[in-house]
């Protein structure tokens, strides 16, 4: 009779914890402890991705085209219309409006 294989589980990476990693790569306790830092790193990664995207757009399209985009983003009504046309949902979850406002501030500075 064969014995069932034990399921391999990863342990929490925090030293001296020893609990199984149940949530993400951490145990429940350490996931809660590291949650804010993880979200901050995720947010920073999204900002970098947006920055690379904007740089690619500025290289690819002429200045007149970018001015039209700036005007569309600066007007809240046209921005909402564009969002509805693109069928973007759950904007509260990703703090999209805050990112757009920061982006607009950076554009206005340049």
Protein backbone atom coordinates (compact mmCIF):
# COMPACT_ATOMS: atom_id res chain seq x y z
CA UNK A 1 0.00 0.00 0.00
CA UNK A 2 1.37 3.38 -0.95
CA UNK A 3 1.18 6.37 1.28
CA UNK A 4 -0.13 9.59 -0.17
CA UNK A 5 2.50 12.17 -0.89
CA UNK A 6 2.57 15.10 1.43
CA UNK A 7 1.58 18.32 -0.26
CA UNK A 8 4.53 20.61 -0.52
CA UNK A 9 3.80 24.02 0.85
CA UNK A 10 5.92 27.09 0.93
CA UNK A 11 6.70 28.66 4.23
CA UNK A 12 6.36 32.32 5.03
CA UNK A 13 9.62 34.07 4.02
CA UNK A 14 9.80 35.99 7.32
CA UNK A 15 12.62 34.59 9.45
CA UNK A 16 11.59 32.40 12.36
CA UNK A 17 7.93 32.33 11.27
CA UNK A 18 7.53 28.75 10.07
CA UNK A 19 3.86 29.16 9.15
CA UNK A 20 2.70 28.09 5.68
CA UNK A 21 2.31 30.84 3.09
CA UNK A 22 -1.44 31.01 2.70
CA UNK A 23 -1.93 34.53 1.34
CA UNK A 24 0.37 35.61 -1.44
CA UNK A 25 3.86 34.64 -0.39
CA UNK A 26 3.25 35.28 3.33
CA UNK A 27 1.29 33.72 6.15
CA UNK A 28 -1.86 35.61 7.09
CA UNK A 29 -0.23 37.58 9.89
CA UNK A 30 2.74 38.74 7.85
CA UNK A 31 0.59 39.43 4.80
CA UNK A 32 -1.33 41.98 6.86
CA UNK A 33 1.93 43.38 8.23
CA UNK A 34 3.45 43.78 4.73
CA UNK A 35 0.25 44.72 2.88
CA UNK A 36 0.84 48.47 2.68
CA UNK A 37 4.39 48.08 1.38
CA UNK A 38 3.28 45.58 -1.25
CA UNK A 39 0.52 47.91 -2.45
CA UNK A 40 2.97 50.82 -2.58
CA UNK A 41 5.40 48.81 -4.71
CA UNK A 42 2.55 47.77 -6.97
CA UNK A 43 1.44 51.40 -7.32
CA UNK A 44 5.01 52.49 -8.13
CA UNK A 45 5.25 49.79 -10.79
CA UNK A 46 2.02 51.07 -12.37
CA UNK A 47 3.40 54.62 -12.35
CA UNK A 48 6.58 53.48 -14.09
CA UNK A 49 4.55 51.61 -16.69
CA UNK A 50 2.40 54.70 -17.31
CA UNK A 51 5.55 56.81 -17.58
CA UNK A 52 7.06 54.46 -20.18
CA UNK A 53 3.78 54.50 -22.10
CA UNK A 54 3.69 58.31 -22.15
CA UNK A 55 7.31 58.48 -23.29
CA UNK A 56 6.54 56.05 -26.11
CA UNK A 57 3.54 58.15 -27.15
CA UNK A 58 5.54 61.37 -27.16
CA UNK A 59 8.18 59.79 -29.39
CA UNK A 60 5.63 58.31 -31.75
CA UNK A 61 3.11 61.12 -32.28
CA UNK A 62 3.51 64.76 -33.28
CA UNK A 63 3.10 67.57 -30.74
CA UNK A 64 -0.25 68.69 -32.18
CA UNK A 65 -1.75 65.28 -31.53
CA UNK A 66 -0.49 65.30 -27.95
CA UNK A 67 -2.02 68.74 -27.39
CA UNK A 68 -5.43 67.34 -28.39
CA UNK A 69 -4.98 64.50 -25.88
CA UNK A 70 -4.04 66.99 -23.14
CA UNK A 71 -7.17 69.04 -23.82
CA UNK A 72 -9.36 65.93 -23.67
CA UNK A 73 -7.84 64.87 -20.35
CA UNK A 74 -8.03 68.36 -18.83
CA UNK A 75 -11.80 68.65 -19.30
CA UNK A 76 -13.67 66.39 -16.80
CA UNK A 77 -16.72 66.00 -19.04
CA UNK A 78 -14.74 64.89 -22.07
CA UNK A 79 -12.62 62.64 -19.85
CA UNK A 80 -15.74 60.93 -18.46
CA UNK A 81 -17.11 60.56 -21.97
CA UNK A 82 -13.86 58.97 -23.12
CA UNK A 83 -13.89 56.59 -20.15
CA UNK A 84 -17.45 55.56 -20.96
CA UNK A 85 -16.55 55.03 -24.62
CA UNK A 86 -13.61 52.85 -23.61
CA UNK A 87 -15.83 50.96 -21.14
CA UNK A 88 -13.38 51.25 -18.25
CA UNK A 89 -14.78 49.84 -15.02
CA UNK A 90 -13.71 49.76 -11.36
CA UNK A 91 -11.83 53.03 -11.48
CA UNK A 92 -12.07 53.32 -7.69
CA UNK A 93 -10.00 50.18 -7.27
CA UNK A 94 -6.95 51.47 -9.09
CA UNK A 95 -7.05 55.13 -8.08
CA UNK A 96 -7.15 55.97 -11.76
CA UNK A 97 -8.37 59.54 -11.30
CA UNK A 98 -5.51 60.36 -8.90
CA UNK A 99 -3.00 58.99 -11.41
CA UNK A 100 -4.53 61.08 -14.19
CA UNK A 101 -4.46 64.22 -12.04
CA UNK A 102 -0.77 63.65 -11.22
CA UNK A 103 -0.09 63.00 -14.88
CA UNK A 104 -1.83 66.24 -15.87
CA UNK A 105 0.17 68.21 -13.30
CA UNK A 106 3.40 66.82 -14.76
CA UNK A 107 2.28 67.71 -18.28
CA UNK A 108 1.34 71.25 -17.26
CA UNK A 109 4.81 71.74 -15.72
CA UNK A 110 6.54 70.83 -18.98
